[in-house]
Amino acid sequence: MNRILILSLLSVAVAVAGCATAPKPLRGEFAAVAPEQSALSGRVGDTVRWGGRIISVDPSEQQTCFEIVARELSSSARPVQAVDHSLGRFIACRSGFYDPAIFTNERDVTITGRIVDFETRRIGEYDYRYPRLAAEVIYLWPLRVAQERIYFSDPYWPGYYGGWGYRAPVIVRPVPKSEPTPPPSK
């Protein structure tokens, strides 16, 4: 009886921990259209929630504009890490100054706003049509930290010989970034 109770409590805890919701500023009702679809359809006025990787930041006197390569969003509204796939590009502008030293091209961002216009810019030799958003929320996500898993292979651990759990304990720790090596002195 106790075992059933413990297992049911554990399953409820795992289910609750697995449910991810978007941060409060990113919640709401949004049009289900991707930037590439929006550029083709030419619809203006839709309220959207798009996210991705920052390509460039252009601060001016009145506003700051972001050029972003769009990615799919997870259930928490964070852009999914995808190296070989994008949902197009878009431009989002918001009044105020956003520091390009903080909003760098290595950062993920989720933006909510209204499609107000379309702008054509060149990418290499190609004329690309960008949807332009009047951004309401610009949510900068913390950097993802690479992790390393260390597995023990201890013959005295009960799981080593196929005992309970069949797994050795694991330590997860951040991977240290390698420091650049200084040039050799002459």
N, C-alpha and C. Protein backbone atom coordinates (compact mmCIF):
# COMPACT_ATOMS: atom_id res chain seq x y z
N MET A 1 0.82 -1.19 0.00
CA MET A 1 0.00 0.00 0.00
C MET A 1 0.86 1.26 0.00
N ASN A 2 1.87 1.28 0.88
CA ASN A 2 2.78 2.42 0.92
C ASN A 2 3.50 2.61 -0.40
N ARG A 3 3.87 1.50 -1.02
CA ARG A 3 4.59 1.58 -2.28
C ARG A 3 3.74 2.23 -3.36
N ILE A 4 2.46 1.88 -3.42
CA ILE A 4 1.55 2.46 -4.41
C ILE A 4 1.38 3.95 -4.14
N LEU A 5 1.25 4.34 -2.91
CA LEU A 5 1.10 5.74 -2.54
C LEU A 5 2.35 6.54 -2.93
N ILE A 6 3.51 5.99 -2.65
CA ILE A 6 4.76 6.68 -2.98
C ILE A 6 4.91 6.82 -4.49
N LEU A 7 4.62 5.76 -5.23
CA LEU A 7 4.72 5.83 -6.69
C LEU A 7 3.74 6.83 -7.28
N SER A 8 2.52 6.88 -6.75
CA SER A 8 1.55 7.84 -7.27
C SER A 8 1.97 9.28 -6.95
N LEU A 9 2.51 9.52 -5.78
CA LEU A 9 3.00 10.86 -5.43
C LEU A 9 4.17 11.26 -6.31
N LEU A 10 5.06 10.31 -6.57
CA LEU A 10 6.20 10.60 -7.46
C LEU A 10 5.74 10.91 -8.88
N SER A 11 4.77 10.17 -9.38
CA SER A 11 4.28 10.43 -10.74
C SER A 11 3.60 11.78 -10.84
N VAL A 12 2.87 12.18 -9.80
CA VAL A 12 2.25 13.50 -9.79
C VAL A 12 3.32 14.58 -9.75
N ALA A 13 4.36 14.38 -8.95
CA ALA A 13 5.45 15.37 -8.86
C ALA A 13 6.16 15.51 -10.20
N VAL A 14 6.40 14.40 -10.88
CA VAL A 14 7.05 14.46 -12.19
C VAL A 14 6.15 15.15 -13.20
N ALA A 15 4.87 14.87 -13.18
CA ALA A 15 3.95 15.49 -14.11
C ALA A 15 3.87 16.99 -13.90
N VAL A 16 3.83 17.43 -12.65
CA VAL A 16 3.77 18.86 -12.36
C VAL A 16 5.07 19.54 -12.74
N ALA A 17 6.20 18.89 -12.48
CA ALA A 17 7.49 19.49 -12.83
C ALA A 17 7.68 19.56 -14.33
N GLY A 18 7.07 18.64 -15.07
CA GLY A 18 7.23 18.62 -16.52
C GLY A 18 6.39 19.66 -17.23
N CYS A 19 5.38 20.21 -16.59
CA CYS A 19 4.54 21.22 -17.22
C CYS A 19 5.27 22.56 -17.19
N ALA A 20 5.53 23.08 -18.36
CA ALA A 20 6.21 24.37 -18.44
C ALA A 20 5.23 25.41 -18.97
N THR A 21 5.23 26.55 -18.36
CA THR A 21 4.38 27.63 -18.84
C THR A 21 5.25 28.82 -19.17
N ALA A 22 4.73 29.66 -20.03
CA ALA A 22 5.46 30.85 -20.44
C ALA A 22 5.53 31.84 -19.29
N PRO A 23 6.60 32.62 -19.23
CA PRO A 23 6.67 33.69 -18.23
C PRO A 23 5.48 34.64 -18.39
N LYS A 24 5.09 35.27 -17.32
CA LYS A 24 3.88 36.10 -17.30
C LYS A 24 3.82 37.15 -18.43
N PRO A 25 4.92 37.86 -18.74
CA PRO A 25 4.82 38.87 -19.80
C PRO A 25 4.58 38.28 -21.20
N LEU A 26 4.81 36.97 -21.37
CA LEU A 26 4.68 36.35 -22.68
C LEU A 26 3.37 35.57 -22.85
N ARG A 27 2.49 35.64 -21.87
CA ARG A 27 1.22 34.92 -21.96
C ARG A 27 0.19 35.75 -22.71
N GLY A 28 -0.77 35.05 -23.30
CA GLY A 28 -1.85 35.74 -23.99
C GLY A 28 -2.29 34.97 -25.21
N GLU A 29 -3.15 35.58 -26.00
CA GLU A 29 -3.66 34.99 -27.24
C GLU A 29 -2.92 35.63 -28.42
N PHE A 30 -2.38 34.77 -29.29
CA PHE A 30 -1.59 35.26 -30.41
C PHE A 30 -1.98 34.53 -31.69
N ALA A 31 -1.81 35.19 -32.81
CA ALA A 31 -2.08 34.58 -34.10
C ALA A 31 -1.08 33.47 -34.35
N ALA A 32 -1.55 32.36 -34.91
CA ALA A 32 -0.67 31.22 -35.19
C ALA A 32 -0.12 31.34 -36.60
N VAL A 33 0.79 32.28 -36.77
CA VAL A 33 1.42 32.51 -38.07
C VAL A 33 2.91 32.70 -37.85
N ALA A 34 3.72 32.08 -38.69
CA ALA A 34 5.18 32.21 -38.60
C ALA A 34 5.62 33.42 -39.41
N PRO A 35 6.81 33.95 -39.14
CA PRO A 35 7.29 35.11 -39.89
C PRO A 35 7.33 34.88 -41.41
N GLU A 36 7.77 33.70 -41.84
CA GLU A 36 7.84 33.44 -43.28
C GLU A 36 6.44 33.40 -43.90
N GLN A 37 5.46 32.88 -43.19
CA GLN A 37 4.08 32.87 -43.69
C GLN A 37 3.51 34.28 -43.73
N SER A 38 3.84 35.07 -42.72
CA SER A 38 3.36 36.44 -42.65
C SER A 38 3.91 37.27 -43.81
N ALA A 39 5.18 37.07 -44.15
CA ALA A 39 5.79 37.82 -45.24
C ALA A 39 5.14 37.48 -46.57
N LEU A 40 4.70 36.23 -46.72
CA LEU A 40 4.04 35.83 -47.96
C LEU A 40 2.60 36.33 -48.04
N SER A 41 1.90 36.27 -46.92
CA SER A 41 0.48 36.66 -46.92
C SER A 41 0.30 38.18 -46.93
N GLY A 42 1.22 38.90 -46.29
CA GLY A 42 1.13 40.36 -46.26
C GLY A 42 0.09 40.90 -45.30
N ARG A 43 -0.36 40.08 -44.33
CA ARG A 43 -1.36 40.53 -43.37
C ARG A 43 -0.74 41.46 -42.35
N VAL A 44 -1.39 42.57 -42.11
CA VAL A 44 -0.95 43.56 -41.13
C VAL A 44 -1.97 43.58 -40.00
N GLY A 45 -1.51 43.80 -38.77
CA GLY A 45 -2.40 43.95 -37.63
C GLY A 45 -2.49 42.74 -36.72
N ASP A 46 -1.95 41.59 -37.14
CA ASP A 46 -1.98 40.40 -36.29
C ASP A 46 -1.08 40.61 -35.08
N THR A 47 -1.53 40.16 -33.91
CA THR A 47 -0.71 40.16 -32.70
C THR A 47 -0.05 38.79 -32.61
N VAL A 48 1.28 38.79 -32.54
CA VAL A 48 2.03 37.54 -32.60
C VAL A 48 3.01 37.44 -31.44
N ARG A 49 3.46 36.21 -31.19
CA ARG A 49 4.55 35.94 -30.25
C ARG A 49 5.57 35.12 -31.03
N TRP A 50 6.69 35.76 -31.35
CA TRP A 50 7.74 35.13 -32.12
C TRP A 50 9.03 35.18 -31.31
N GLY A 51 9.91 34.26 -31.58
CA GLY A 51 11.19 34.25 -30.89
C GLY A 51 12.27 33.67 -31.78
N GLY A 52 13.49 33.84 -31.34
CA GLY A 52 14.62 33.31 -32.10
C GLY A 52 15.94 33.87 -31.61
N ARG A 53 16.92 33.82 -32.49
CA ARG A 53 18.27 34.27 -32.20
C ARG A 53 18.47 35.67 -32.79
N ILE A 54 19.02 36.56 -32.00
CA ILE A 54 19.27 37.93 -32.45
C ILE A 54 20.38 37.91 -33.50
N ILE A 55 20.14 38.59 -34.62
CA ILE A 55 21.16 38.73 -35.66
C ILE A 55 21.86 40.08 -35.52
N SER A 56 21.06 41.13 -35.33
CA SER A 56 21.66 42.46 -35.16
C SER A 56 20.72 43.35 -34.34
N VAL A 57 21.32 44.37 -33.73
CA VAL A 57 20.58 45.34 -32.94
C VAL A 57 20.96 46.72 -33.46
N ASP A 58 19.94 47.55 -33.74
CA ASP A 58 20.17 48.87 -34.30
C ASP A 58 19.49 49.92 -33.42
N PRO A 59 20.21 50.45 -32.41
CA PRO A 59 19.60 51.50 -31.57
C PRO A 59 19.66 52.85 -32.28
N SER A 60 18.57 53.59 -32.18
CA SER A 60 18.54 54.96 -32.70
C SER A 60 18.07 55.88 -31.59
N GLU A 61 17.82 57.13 -31.93
CA GLU A 61 17.45 58.10 -30.91
C GLU A 61 16.08 57.80 -30.28
N GLN A 62 15.12 57.34 -31.10
CA GLN A 62 13.75 57.09 -30.63
C GLN A 62 13.52 55.65 -30.19
N GLN A 63 14.14 54.68 -30.88
CA GLN A 63 13.81 53.28 -30.68
C GLN A 63 15.01 52.38 -30.97
N THR A 64 14.85 51.11 -30.63
CA THR A 64 15.85 50.10 -30.95
C THR A 64 15.16 49.04 -31.79
N CYS A 65 15.79 48.66 -32.90
CA CYS A 65 15.24 47.63 -33.78
C CYS A 65 16.14 46.40 -33.74
N PHE A 66 15.51 45.23 -33.70
CA PHE A 66 16.20 43.94 -33.65
C PHE A 66 15.91 43.19 -34.93
N GLU A 67 16.94 42.62 -35.54
CA GLU A 67 16.74 41.68 -36.64
C GLU A 67 16.94 40.29 -36.04
N ILE A 68 15.96 39.42 -36.27
CA ILE A 68 15.94 38.12 -35.59
C ILE A 68 15.67 37.02 -36.59
N VAL A 69 16.42 35.92 -36.46
CA VAL A 69 16.10 34.70 -37.21
C VAL A 69 15.18 33.88 -36.32
N ALA A 70 13.98 33.59 -36.85
CA ALA A 70 12.92 32.98 -36.03
C ALA A 70 13.14 31.49 -35.85
N ARG A 71 12.80 31.02 -34.67
CA ARG A 71 12.84 29.60 -34.32
C ARG A 71 11.49 29.21 -33.73
N GLU A 72 11.24 27.91 -33.71
CA GLU A 72 10.03 27.42 -33.04
C GLU A 72 10.15 27.73 -31.55
N LEU A 73 9.00 27.88 -30.90
CA LEU A 73 8.99 28.16 -29.47
C LEU A 73 8.58 26.91 -28.71
N SER A 74 9.20 26.70 -27.56
CA SER A 74 8.83 25.58 -26.69
C SER A 74 7.56 25.94 -25.93
N SER A 75 7.10 25.04 -25.08
CA SER A 75 5.89 25.31 -24.30
C SER A 75 6.08 26.46 -23.31
N SER A 76 7.34 26.78 -23.00
CA SER A 76 7.62 27.91 -22.12
C SER A 76 7.87 29.19 -22.90
N ALA A 77 7.67 29.16 -24.22
CA ALA A 77 7.85 30.29 -25.14
C ALA A 77 9.31 30.63 -25.39
N ARG A 78 10.22 29.75 -24.99
CA ARG A 78 11.63 29.95 -25.27
C ARG A 78 11.96 29.38 -26.64
N PRO A 79 12.77 30.07 -27.45
CA PRO A 79 13.15 29.53 -28.75
C PRO A 79 13.90 28.20 -28.60
N VAL A 80 13.53 27.25 -29.44
CA VAL A 80 14.15 25.93 -29.43
C VAL A 80 15.50 26.03 -30.14
N GLN A 81 16.49 25.35 -29.60
CA GLN A 81 17.80 25.36 -30.25
C GLN A 81 17.72 24.53 -31.52
N ALA A 82 17.89 25.17 -32.65
CA ALA A 82 17.87 24.49 -33.94
C ALA A 82 18.96 25.11 -34.80
N VAL A 83 19.84 24.30 -35.29
CA VAL A 83 20.96 24.82 -36.06
C VAL A 83 20.61 24.92 -37.54
N ASP A 84 19.82 23.98 -38.03
CA ASP A 84 19.61 23.89 -39.47
C ASP A 84 18.20 24.22 -39.92
N HIS A 85 17.42 24.90 -39.09
CA HIS A 85 16.05 25.22 -39.47
C HIS A 85 15.64 26.57 -38.88
N SER A 86 14.96 27.37 -39.69
CA SER A 86 14.42 28.62 -39.17
C SER A 86 13.01 28.80 -39.72
N LEU A 87 12.26 29.68 -39.10
CA LEU A 87 10.91 30.01 -39.55
C LEU A 87 10.89 31.35 -40.28
N GLY A 88 12.04 31.76 -40.78
CA GLY A 88 12.15 33.04 -41.46
C GLY A 88 12.84 34.06 -40.56
N ARG A 89 12.78 35.30 -40.99
CA ARG A 89 13.37 36.40 -40.23
C ARG A 89 12.32 37.47 -40.02
N PHE A 90 12.54 38.29 -38.99
CA PHE A 90 11.65 39.41 -38.76
C PHE A 90 12.39 40.53 -38.07
N ILE A 91 11.79 41.71 -38.10
CA ILE A 91 12.34 42.90 -37.45
C ILE A 91 11.34 43.33 -36.38
N ALA A 92 11.84 43.61 -35.19
CA ALA A 92 11.00 44.09 -34.09
C ALA A 92 11.59 45.37 -33.55
N CYS A 93 10.77 46.41 -33.44
CA CYS A 93 11.22 47.70 -32.93
C CYS A 93 10.42 48.08 -31.69
N ARG A 94 11.13 48.67 -30.74
CA ARG A 94 10.49 49.13 -29.50
C ARG A 94 11.17 50.43 -29.08
N SER A 95 10.39 51.32 -28.51
CA SER A 95 10.96 52.60 -28.07
C SER A 95 11.92 52.36 -26.91
N GLY A 96 12.93 53.20 -26.84
CA GLY A 96 13.93 53.09 -25.78
C GLY A 96 15.24 52.53 -26.30
N PHE A 97 16.21 52.51 -25.41
CA PHE A 97 17.55 52.03 -25.75
C PHE A 97 17.76 50.64 -25.18
N TYR A 98 18.15 49.72 -26.04
CA TYR A 98 18.53 48.36 -25.64
C TYR A 98 19.99 48.19 -26.04
N ASP A 99 20.83 47.94 -25.08
CA ASP A 99 22.28 47.91 -25.27
C ASP A 99 22.71 46.73 -26.15
N PRO A 100 23.35 47.00 -27.29
CA PRO A 100 23.83 45.92 -28.16
C PRO A 100 24.91 45.06 -27.51
N ALA A 101 25.54 45.54 -26.44
CA ALA A 101 26.53 44.72 -25.74
C ALA A 101 25.85 43.62 -24.92
N ILE A 102 24.59 43.83 -24.55
CA ILE A 102 23.83 42.82 -23.81
C ILE A 102 22.98 42.00 -24.77
N PHE A 103 22.32 42.65 -25.71
CA PHE A 103 21.49 41.96 -26.70
C PHE A 103 22.38 41.58 -27.89
N THR A 104 23.26 40.61 -27.68
CA THR A 104 24.22 40.21 -28.70
C THR A 104 23.63 39.12 -29.59
N ASN A 105 24.37 38.78 -30.64
CA ASN A 105 23.87 37.79 -31.59
C ASN A 105 23.95 36.36 -31.06
N GLU A 106 24.38 36.16 -29.86
CA GLU A 106 24.41 34.83 -29.25
C GLU A 106 23.20 34.60 -28.36
N ARG A 107 22.31 35.55 -28.28
CA ARG A 107 21.21 35.50 -27.30
C ARG A 107 19.89 35.14 -27.96
N ASP A 108 19.07 34.42 -27.18
CA ASP A 108 17.71 34.09 -27.59
C ASP A 108 16.77 35.12 -27.00
N VAL A 109 15.73 35.44 -27.77
CA VAL A 109 14.77 36.44 -27.36
C VAL A 109 13.39 36.00 -27.82
N THR A 110 12.37 36.32 -27.03
CA THR A 110 10.98 36.12 -27.43
C THR A 110 10.31 37.48 -27.39
N ILE A 111 9.55 37.78 -28.46
CA ILE A 111 8.96 39.11 -28.61
C ILE A 111 7.48 38.96 -28.89
N THR A 112 6.68 39.76 -28.22
CA THR A 112 5.27 39.86 -28.55
C THR A 112 5.02 41.24 -29.13
N GLY A 113 4.13 41.30 -30.09
CA GLY A 113 3.84 42.58 -30.71
C GLY A 113 2.87 42.43 -31.86
N ARG A 114 2.66 43.54 -32.55
CA ARG A 114 1.71 43.61 -33.66
C ARG A 114 2.47 43.84 -34.96
N ILE A 115 2.07 43.12 -36.00
CA ILE A 115 2.68 43.31 -37.32
C ILE A 115 2.17 44.64 -37.87
N VAL A 116 3.10 45.56 -38.16
CA VAL A 116 2.70 46.89 -38.62
C VAL A 116 3.07 47.16 -40.07
N ASP A 117 4.06 46.42 -40.58
CA ASP A 117 4.54 46.76 -41.93
C ASP A 117 5.45 45.63 -42.41
N PHE A 118 5.94 45.77 -43.62
CA PHE A 118 6.92 44.86 -44.19
C PHE A 118 8.05 45.68 -44.77
N GLU A 119 9.26 45.16 -44.64
CA GLU A 119 10.44 45.89 -45.08
C GLU A 119 11.33 44.93 -45.88
N THR A 120 11.87 45.41 -46.99
CA THR A 120 12.76 44.59 -47.80
C THR A 120 14.20 45.02 -47.55
N ARG A 121 15.02 44.05 -47.18
CA ARG A 121 16.46 44.26 -46.98
C ARG A 121 17.22 43.19 -47.76
N ARG A 122 18.46 43.49 -48.04
CA ARG A 122 19.28 42.53 -48.78
C ARG A 122 20.04 41.62 -47.82
N ILE A 123 20.02 40.32 -48.13
CA ILE A 123 20.85 39.33 -47.45
C ILE A 123 21.76 38.78 -48.55
N GLY A 124 22.98 39.24 -48.56
CA GLY A 124 23.88 38.89 -49.67
C GLY A 124 23.36 39.54 -50.94
N GLU A 125 23.01 38.73 -51.93
CA GLU A 125 22.46 39.22 -53.19
C GLU A 125 20.94 39.06 -53.26
N TYR A 126 20.34 38.62 -52.16
CA TYR A 126 18.91 38.30 -52.16
C TYR A 126 18.12 39.39 -51.45
N ASP A 127 17.01 39.81 -52.06
CA ASP A 127 16.10 40.76 -51.42
C ASP A 127 15.12 39.98 -50.57
N TYR A 128 15.18 40.20 -49.26
CA TYR A 128 14.35 39.44 -48.32
C TYR A 128 13.28 40.37 -47.75
N ARG A 129 12.04 39.89 -47.71
CA ARG A 129 10.92 40.67 -47.18
C ARG A 129 10.70 40.30 -45.71
N TYR A 130 10.95 41.26 -44.83
CA TYR A 130 10.81 41.08 -43.38
C TYR A 130 9.47 41.60 -42.90
N PRO A 131 8.76 40.84 -42.06
CA PRO A 131 7.65 41.45 -41.33
C PRO A 131 8.24 42.35 -40.23
N ARG A 132 7.61 43.46 -40.00
CA ARG A 132 8.09 44.41 -38.99
C ARG A 132 7.06 44.49 -37.86
N LEU A 133 7.54 44.27 -36.62
CA LEU A 133 6.67 44.29 -35.45
C LEU A 133 6.83 45.57 -34.66
N ALA A 134 5.73 46.05 -34.12
CA ALA A 134 5.78 47.06 -33.06
C ALA A 134 5.77 46.24 -31.77
N ALA A 135 6.94 46.08 -31.18
CA ALA A 135 7.12 45.17 -30.05
C ALA A 135 6.50 45.74 -28.78
N GLU A 136 5.79 44.87 -28.06
CA GLU A 136 5.25 45.24 -26.75
C GLU A 136 6.13 44.69 -25.64
N VAL A 137 6.61 43.43 -25.82
CA VAL A 137 7.47 42.78 -24.83
C VAL A 137 8.69 42.24 -25.56
N ILE A 138 9.87 42.52 -25.02
CA ILE A 138 11.11 41.92 -25.51
C ILE A 138 11.70 41.16 -24.33
N TYR A 139 11.66 39.84 -24.42
CA TYR A 139 12.07 38.99 -23.31
C TYR A 139 13.40 38.33 -23.66
N LEU A 140 14.46 38.74 -23.00
CA LEU A 140 15.80 38.20 -23.22
C LEU A 140 15.99 37.00 -22.31
N TRP A 141 16.29 35.84 -22.90
CA TRP A 141 16.46 34.61 -22.14
C TRP A 141 17.89 34.49 -21.62
N PRO A 142 18.08 33.88 -20.46
CA PRO A 142 19.44 33.67 -19.96
C PRO A 142 20.20 32.71 -20.88
N LEU A 143 21.51 32.85 -20.88
CA LEU A 143 22.33 31.97 -21.71
C LEU A 143 22.18 30.52 -21.26
N ARG A 144 22.19 29.62 -22.22
CA ARG A 144 22.18 28.20 -21.89
C ARG A 144 23.60 27.79 -21.54
N VAL A 145 23.72 26.99 -20.49
CA VAL A 145 25.04 26.55 -20.05
C VAL A 145 25.20 25.08 -20.44
N ALA A 146 26.29 24.79 -21.13
CA ALA A 146 26.56 23.40 -21.49
C ALA A 146 26.86 22.61 -20.22
N GLN A 147 26.42 21.36 -20.20
CA GLN A 147 26.62 20.54 -19.02
C GLN A 147 27.33 19.25 -19.40
N GLU A 148 28.06 18.74 -18.46
CA GLU A 148 28.78 17.49 -18.65
C GLU A 148 28.24 16.49 -17.64
N ARG A 149 28.00 15.28 -18.09
CA ARG A 149 27.52 14.23 -17.19
C ARG A 149 28.68 13.28 -16.90
N ILE A 150 28.89 13.02 -15.63
CA ILE A 150 29.95 12.11 -15.20
C ILE A 150 29.26 10.88 -14.60
N TYR A 151 29.51 9.72 -15.19
CA TYR A 151 28.93 8.48 -14.68
C TYR A 151 29.99 7.73 -13.88
N PHE A 152 29.57 7.22 -12.73
CA PHE A 152 30.47 6.43 -11.91
C PHE A 152 30.44 4.99 -12.39
N SER A 153 31.55 4.32 -12.34
CA SER A 153 31.57 2.88 -12.62
C SER A 153 32.21 2.21 -11.40
N ASP A 154 31.44 2.18 -10.34
CA ASP A 154 31.90 1.65 -9.07
C ASP A 154 31.31 0.27 -8.85
N PRO A 155 32.14 -0.78 -8.80
CA PRO A 155 31.58 -2.14 -8.63
C PRO A 155 30.89 -2.33 -7.29
N TYR A 156 31.06 -1.42 -6.36
CA TYR A 156 30.39 -1.54 -5.07
C TYR A 156 29.05 -0.82 -5.06
N TRP A 157 28.70 -0.12 -6.15
CA TRP A 157 27.39 0.53 -6.24
C TRP A 157 26.36 -0.55 -6.57
N PRO A 158 25.19 -0.57 -5.87
CA PRO A 158 24.23 -1.66 -6.07
C PRO A 158 23.76 -1.84 -7.51
N GLY A 159 23.71 -0.78 -8.30
CA GLY A 159 23.23 -0.90 -9.68
C GLY A 159 24.28 -1.40 -10.65
N TYR A 160 25.52 -1.52 -10.21
CA TYR A 160 26.62 -1.89 -11.10
C TYR A 160 26.42 -3.28 -11.70
N TYR A 161 25.97 -4.23 -10.93
CA TYR A 161 25.79 -5.60 -11.42
C TYR A 161 24.34 -5.87 -11.82
N GLY A 162 23.59 -4.85 -12.14
CA GLY A 162 22.20 -5.06 -12.55
C GLY A 162 21.25 -5.11 -11.39
N GLY A 163 21.64 -4.54 -10.27
CA GLY A 163 20.76 -4.50 -9.10
C GLY A 163 19.68 -3.46 -9.30
N TRP A 164 19.14 -2.96 -8.23
CA TRP A 164 18.05 -1.99 -8.34
C TRP A 164 18.49 -0.76 -9.12
N GLY A 165 17.69 -0.37 -10.07
CA GLY A 165 17.93 0.86 -10.81
C GLY A 165 18.79 0.69 -12.05
N TYR A 166 19.70 -0.26 -12.09
CA TYR A 166 20.58 -0.50 -13.23
C TYR A 166 21.40 0.71 -13.64
N ARG A 167 21.48 1.75 -12.83
CA ARG A 167 22.21 2.95 -13.23
C ARG A 167 23.15 3.37 -12.13
N ALA A 168 24.26 3.86 -12.55
CA ALA A 168 25.22 4.42 -11.60
C ALA A 168 24.83 5.87 -11.32
N PRO A 169 25.26 6.42 -10.20
CA PRO A 169 24.94 7.82 -9.92
C PRO A 169 25.60 8.75 -10.95
N VAL A 170 24.98 9.89 -11.15
CA VAL A 170 25.43 10.85 -12.15
C VAL A 170 25.66 12.19 -11.48
N ILE A 171 26.73 12.86 -11.88
CA ILE A 171 26.97 14.23 -11.45
C ILE A 171 26.87 15.09 -12.70
N VAL A 172 26.07 16.14 -12.64
CA VAL A 172 25.94 17.06 -13.75
C VAL A 172 26.60 18.36 -13.31
N ARG A 173 27.54 18.83 -14.11
CA ARG A 173 28.23 20.08 -13.76
C ARG A 173 28.42 20.90 -15.01
N PRO A 174 28.52 22.22 -14.89
CA PRO A 174 28.74 23.06 -16.06
C PRO A 174 30.11 22.76 -16.67
N VAL A 175 30.15 22.83 -18.00
CA VAL A 175 31.42 22.65 -18.70
C VAL A 175 32.15 23.97 -18.68
N PRO A 176 33.38 24.00 -18.17
CA PRO A 176 34.10 25.27 -18.15
C PRO A 176 34.46 25.71 -19.56
N LYS A 177 34.32 27.00 -19.81
CA LYS A 177 34.71 27.53 -21.11
C LYS A 177 36.23 27.59 -21.18
N SER A 178 36.74 27.23 -22.32
CA SER A 178 38.19 27.24 -22.47
C SER A 178 38.67 28.68 -22.63
N GLU A 179 39.70 28.99 -21.92
CA GLU A 179 40.28 30.32 -22.00
C GLU A 179 41.18 30.39 -23.23
N PRO A 180 41.17 31.52 -23.93
CA PRO A 180 42.08 31.63 -25.08
C PRO A 180 43.53 31.60 -24.59
N THR A 181 44.33 30.90 -25.33
CA THR A 181 45.76 30.82 -24.96
C THR A 181 46.49 32.04 -25.47
N PRO A 182 47.32 32.62 -24.65
CA PRO A 182 48.06 33.81 -25.11
C PRO A 182 49.08 33.41 -26.16
N PRO A 183 49.41 34.35 -27.05
CA PRO A 183 50.42 34.04 -28.07
C PRO A 183 51.77 33.79 -27.38
N PRO A 184 52.58 32.92 -27.98
CA PRO A 184 53.89 32.65 -27.37
C PRO A 184 54.77 33.89 -27.36
N SER A 185 55.49 34.06 -26.27
CA SER A 185 56.37 35.23 -26.19
C SER A 185 57.68 34.92 -26.92
N LYS A 186 58.25 35.96 -27.49
CA LYS A 186 59.49 35.79 -28.26
C LYS A 186 60.68 36.15 -27.45
